Amino acid sequence: MFEAPKRRVDRVFIHCSASDMRFHDPMHEVEDEGQKMLAEITRWHLKRGFDGVGYHYLINKSGSIIAGRDREKAPAAQKGHNTGTIAIMVHGLSDFSASSMTALTEFCGQINEAYSGRISFHGHCEVSWKACPVFNYRKVLSLDRFGRMP
């Protein structure tokens, strides 16, 4: 369940991991897959000079939502556009699961409800040259032309 941070937030940015790398270890439970994904993406971000994982929430292929960066901190996810935002990453590059898309839709619905519909949703590609996320987030979230959910 989403809990709004105390800081001002007016936009949510959707990202993808740009990797279909599997983080699942068949010897462990699904929750371990999420923690392994978080650890690996944190390692990627530290290597790029970030002070930890840049995303507030990560959604794995099984549809689990993993808490990342402290929601009270601005993300390190959309250079020049981090203030007043929440960053969500969906694991995948060309292989996005139905479970992860359902989780994204439901979680964004919770965020939208927490802000009484006064928040907008955007793809990283709207503020970057990157084609991120590489799925049709507008269609998945049923966004209007202003990035608002119904």
C-alpha atoms as a PDB file:
ATOM      1  CA  MET A   1       0.000   0.000   0.000  1.00  0.00           C
ATOM      2  CA  PHE A   2       1.377   3.393  -0.992  1.00  0.00           C
ATOM      3  CA  GLU A   3       2.013   5.978   1.692  1.00  0.00           C
ATOM      4  CA  ALA A   4       2.641   9.537   0.480  1.00  0.00           C
ATOM      5  CA  PRO A   5       5.878  11.173   1.600  1.00  0.00           C
ATOM      6  CA  LYS A   6       5.764  14.384   3.618  1.00  0.00           C
ATOM      7  CA  ARG A   7       7.686  16.263   0.911  1.00  0.00           C
ATOM      8  CA  ARG A   8       5.801  17.915  -1.950  1.00  0.00           C
ATOM      9  CA  VAL A   9       5.214  15.585  -4.892  1.00  0.00           C
ATOM     10  CA  ASP A  10       3.345  16.431  -8.080  1.00  0.00           C
ATOM     11  CA  ARG A  11       4.734  13.985 -10.645  1.00  0.00           C
ATOM     12  CA  VAL A  12       5.580  10.298 -10.920  1.00  0.00           C
ATOM     13  CA  PHE A  13       8.170   9.095 -13.410  1.00  0.00           C
ATOM     14  CA  ILE A  14       8.082   5.574 -14.822  1.00  0.00           C
ATOM     15  CA  HIS A  15      11.338   3.847 -15.783  1.00  0.00           C
ATOM     16  CA  CYS A  16      12.454   0.428 -16.937  1.00  0.00           C
ATOM     17  CA  SER A  17      15.628  -1.368 -15.890  1.00  0.00           C
ATOM     18  CA  ALA A  18      16.813  -1.658 -19.522  1.00  0.00           C
ATOM     19  CA  SER A  19      17.772  -5.237 -18.709  1.00  0.00           C
ATOM     20  CA  ASP A  20      15.972  -8.557 -18.815  1.00  0.00           C
ATOM     21  CA  MET A  21      18.641 -10.019 -16.520  1.00  0.00           C
ATOM     22  CA  ARG A  22      17.085 -12.592 -14.190  1.00  0.00           C
ATOM     23  CA  PHE A  23      17.632 -12.003 -10.499  1.00  0.00           C
ATOM     24  CA  HIS A  24      15.744 -15.114  -9.386  1.00  0.00           C
ATOM     25  CA  ASP A  25      17.616 -17.812  -7.518  1.00  0.00           C
ATOM     26  CA  PRO A  26      15.592 -21.052  -7.758  1.00  0.00           C
ATOM     27  CA  MET A  27      16.811 -22.017  -4.283  1.00  0.00           C
ATOM     28  CA  HIS A  28      15.054 -19.030  -2.644  1.00  0.00           C
ATOM     29  CA  GLU A  29      11.612 -17.480  -2.369  1.00  0.00           C
ATOM     30  CA  VAL A  30      10.298 -14.751  -4.709  1.00  0.00           C
ATOM     31  CA  GLU A  31      11.069 -12.026  -2.115  1.00  0.00           C
ATOM     32  CA  ASP A  32      14.754 -12.845  -2.522  1.00  0.00           C
ATOM     33  CA  GLU A  33      14.411 -12.114  -6.238  1.00  0.00           C
ATOM     34  CA  GLY A  34      13.310  -8.572  -5.383  1.00  0.00           C
ATOM     35  CA  GLN A  35      16.128  -8.060  -2.896  1.00  0.00           C
ATOM     36  CA  LYS A  36      18.671  -9.389  -5.397  1.00  0.00           C
ATOM     37  CA  MET A  37      17.297  -7.013  -8.035  1.00  0.00           C
ATOM     38  CA  LEU A  38      17.473  -4.085  -5.597  1.00  0.00           C
ATOM     39  CA  ALA A  39      21.062  -4.963  -4.657  1.00  0.00           C
ATOM     40  CA  GLU A  40      22.146  -5.232  -8.292  1.00  0.00           C
ATOM     41  CA  ILE A  41      20.478  -1.991  -9.401  1.00  0.00           C
ATOM     42  CA  THR A  42      21.894  -0.221  -6.330  1.00  0.00           C
ATOM     43  CA  ARG A  43      25.329  -1.484  -7.398  1.00  0.00           C
ATOM     44  CA  TRP A  44      24.739  -0.095 -10.928  1.00  0.00           C
ATOM     45  CA  HIS A  45      23.717   3.291  -9.497  1.00  0.00           C
ATOM     46  CA  LEU A  46      26.644   3.474  -7.063  1.00  0.00           C
ATOM     47  CA  LYS A  47      28.975   2.757  -9.994  1.00  0.00           C
ATOM     48  CA  ARG A  48      27.443   5.786 -11.776  1.00  0.00           C
ATOM     49  CA  GLY A  49      28.152   8.006  -8.737  1.00  0.00           C
ATOM     50  CA  PHE A  50      24.688   8.002  -7.152  1.00  0.00           C
ATOM     51  CA  ASP A  51      24.356   7.817  -3.359  1.00  0.00           C
ATOM     52  CA  GLY A  52      22.381   4.563  -3.564  1.00  0.00           C
ATOM     53  CA  VAL A  53      19.500   3.292  -5.652  1.00  0.00           C
ATOM     54  CA  GLY A  54      17.848   6.148  -7.532  1.00  0.00           C
ATOM     55  CA  TYR A  55      14.301   4.752  -7.652  1.00  0.00           C
ATOM     56  CA  HIS A  56      11.793   4.859  -4.814  1.00  0.00           C
ATOM     57  CA  TYR A  57      10.069   1.676  -5.939  1.00  0.00           C
ATOM     58  CA  LEU A  58      11.069  -1.250  -8.115  1.00  0.00           C
ATOM     59  CA  ILE A  59       8.637  -3.743  -9.625  1.00  0.00           C
ATOM     60  CA  ASN A  60      10.006  -7.173 -10.471  1.00  0.00           C
ATOM     61  CA  LYS A  61       8.738  -9.624 -13.055  1.00  0.00           C
ATOM     62  CA  SER A  62       6.559 -11.429 -10.525  1.00  0.00           C
ATOM     63  CA  GLY A  63       4.785  -8.123  -9.775  1.00  0.00           C
ATOM     64  CA  SER A  64       6.281  -7.554  -6.331  1.00  0.00           C
ATOM     65  CA  ILE A  65       6.880  -3.940  -5.355  1.00  0.00           C
ATOM     66  CA  ILE A  66      10.215  -3.433  -3.639  1.00  0.00           C
ATOM     67  CA  ALA A  67      10.974  -0.270  -1.676  1.00  0.00           C
ATOM     68  CA  GLY A  68      14.176   1.380  -2.845  1.00  0.00           C
ATOM     69  CA  ARG A  69      15.263   4.927  -2.080  1.00  0.00           C
ATOM     70  CA  ASP A  70      13.757   6.565   0.997  1.00  0.00           C
ATOM     71  CA  ARG A  71      10.556   8.196  -0.262  1.00  0.00           C
ATOM     72  CA  GLU A  72      11.366  11.353   1.726  1.00  0.00           C
ATOM     73  CA  LYS A  73      14.428  11.896  -0.503  1.00  0.00           C
ATOM     74  CA  ALA A  74      14.222  13.149  -4.073  1.00  0.00           C
ATOM     75  CA  PRO A  75      15.054  10.401  -6.546  1.00  0.00           C
ATOM     76  CA  ALA A  76      18.227  10.191  -8.593  1.00  0.00           C
ATOM     77  CA  ALA A  77      16.418   9.092 -11.706  1.00  0.00           C
ATOM     78  CA  GLN A  78      15.543  11.963 -14.083  1.00  0.00           C
ATOM     79  CA  LYS A  79      18.510  14.330 -14.199  1.00  0.00           C
ATOM     80  CA  GLY A  80      17.283  17.884 -13.716  1.00  0.00           C
ATOM     81  CA  HIS A  81      13.733  16.699 -13.008  1.00  0.00           C
ATOM     82  CA  ASN A  82      13.930  14.965  -9.636  1.00  0.00           C
ATOM     83  CA  THR A  83      12.414  17.616  -7.362  1.00  0.00           C
ATOM     84  CA  GLY A  84       8.787  16.927  -6.484  1.00  0.00           C
ATOM     85  CA  THR A  85       8.777  13.453  -8.000  1.00  0.00           C
ATOM     86  CA  ILE A  86       8.482   9.776  -7.233  1.00  0.00           C
ATOM     87  CA  ALA A  87      10.457   7.336  -9.395  1.00  0.00           C
ATOM     88  CA  ILE A  88       9.201   3.830 -10.184  1.00  0.00           C
ATOM     89  CA  MET A  89      11.218   1.270 -12.139  1.00  0.00           C
ATOM     90  CA  VAL A  90       9.743  -1.794 -13.834  1.00  0.00           C
ATOM     91  CA  HIS A  91      12.180  -4.638 -14.480  1.00  0.00           C
ATOM     92  CA  GLY A  92      12.624  -5.388 -18.139  1.00  0.00           C
ATOM     93  CA  LEU A  93      13.839  -4.319 -21.548  1.00  0.00           C
ATOM     94  CA  SER A  94      11.900  -6.435 -24.025  1.00  0.00           C
ATOM     95  CA  ASP A  95      10.332  -8.949 -21.679  1.00  0.00           C
ATOM     96  CA  PHE A  96       7.761  -7.284 -19.404  1.00  0.00           C
ATOM     97  CA  SER A  97       5.447  -9.612 -17.523  1.00  0.00           C
ATOM     98  CA  ALA A  98       1.702  -9.216 -17.216  1.00  0.00           C
ATOM     99  CA  SER A  99       2.224  -9.376 -13.436  1.00  0.00           C
ATOM    100  CA  SER A 100       4.587  -6.396 -13.474  1.00  0.00           C
ATOM    101  CA  MET A 101       2.215  -4.345 -15.652  1.00  0.00           C
ATOM    102  CA  THR A 102      -0.724  -5.162 -13.361  1.00  0.00           C
ATOM    103  CA  ALA A 103       1.359  -4.221 -10.306  1.00  0.00           C
ATOM    104  CA  LEU A 104       2.386  -0.934 -11.949  1.00  0.00           C
ATOM    105  CA  THR A 105      -1.216  -0.055 -12.810  1.00  0.00           C
ATOM    106  CA  GLU A 106      -2.527  -0.893  -9.347  1.00  0.00           C
ATOM    107  CA  PHE A 107       0.329   0.866  -7.536  1.00  0.00           C
ATOM    108  CA  CYS A 108      -0.030   4.014  -9.659  1.00  0.00           C
ATOM    109  CA  GLY A 109      -3.759   3.859  -8.927  1.00  0.00           C
ATOM    110  CA  GLN A 110      -2.937   3.922  -5.204  1.00  0.00           C
ATOM    111  CA  ILE A 111      -0.606   6.894  -5.720  1.00  0.00           C
ATOM    112  CA  ASN A 112      -3.249   8.697  -7.765  1.00  0.00           C
ATOM    113  CA  GLU A 113      -5.822   8.081  -5.032  1.00  0.00           C
ATOM    114  CA  ALA A 114      -3.436   9.252  -2.285  1.00  0.00           C
ATOM    115  CA  TYR A 115      -3.091  12.575  -4.144  1.00  0.00           C
ATOM    116  CA  SER A 116      -6.806  12.793  -5.017  1.00  0.00           C
ATOM    117  CA  GLY A 117      -5.989  12.763  -8.731  1.00  0.00           C
ATOM    118  CA  ARG A 118      -3.785  15.881  -8.499  1.00  0.00           C
ATOM    119  CA  ILE A 119      -0.644  14.113  -9.660  1.00  0.00           C
ATOM    120  CA  SER A 120       0.596  13.347 -13.150  1.00  0.00           C
ATOM    121  CA  PHE A 121       2.454  10.330 -14.509  1.00  0.00           C
ATOM    122  CA  HIS A 122       5.299  10.522 -17.016  1.00  0.00           C
ATOM    123  CA  GLY A 123       7.864   8.371 -18.722  1.00  0.00           C
ATOM    124  CA  HIS A 124      11.557   9.075 -18.251  1.00  0.00           C
ATOM    125  CA  CYS A 125      11.615   9.610 -22.032  1.00  0.00           C
ATOM    126  CA  GLU A 126       9.631  12.839 -21.574  1.00  0.00           C
ATOM    127  CA  VAL A 127      12.643  14.527 -19.943  1.00  0.00           C
ATOM    128  CA  SER A 128      15.512  12.507 -21.436  1.00  0.00           C
ATOM    129  CA  TRP A 129      16.836  11.338 -24.766  1.00  0.00           C
ATOM    130  CA  LYS A 130      16.457   7.763 -23.498  1.00  0.00           C
ATOM    131  CA  ALA A 131      13.633   5.553 -24.757  1.00  0.00           C
ATOM    132  CA  CYS A 132      12.633   4.744 -21.205  1.00  0.00           C
ATOM    133  CA  PRO A 133      10.449   3.041 -20.361  1.00  0.00           C
ATOM    134  CA  VAL A 134      10.388   0.924 -23.484  1.00  0.00           C
ATOM    135  CA  PHE A 135       6.730  -0.006 -23.105  1.00  0.00           C
ATOM    136  CA  ASN A 136       3.642   2.110 -23.721  1.00  0.00           C
ATOM    137  CA  TYR A 137       3.205   3.436 -20.171  1.00  0.00           C
ATOM    138  CA  ARG A 138       0.496   5.862 -21.349  1.00  0.00           C
ATOM    139  CA  LYS A 139      -1.656   2.973 -22.550  1.00  0.00           C
ATOM    140  CA  VAL A 140      -0.866   0.746 -19.546  1.00  0.00           C
ATOM    141  CA  LEU A 141      -1.925   3.528 -17.130  1.00  0.00           C
ATOM    142  CA  SER A 142      -4.749   4.878 -19.372  1.00  0.00           C
ATOM    143  CA  LEU A 143      -3.266   8.383 -19.147  1.00  0.00           C
ATOM    144  CA  ASP A 144      -4.909  11.413 -20.702  1.00  0.00           C
ATOM    145  CA  ARG A 145      -2.869  13.970 -22.645  1.00  0.00           C
ATOM    146  CA  PHE A 146      -1.829  15.658 -19.373  1.00  0.00           C
ATOM    147  CA  GLY A 147      -0.510  12.443 -17.827  1.00  0.00           C
ATOM    148  CA  ARG A 148      -3.488  12.034 -15.509  1.00  0.00           C
ATOM    149  CA  MET A 149      -5.088   8.715 -14.654  1.00  0.00           C
ATOM    150  CA  PRO A 150      -8.852   8.316 -14.955  1.00  0.00           C
END
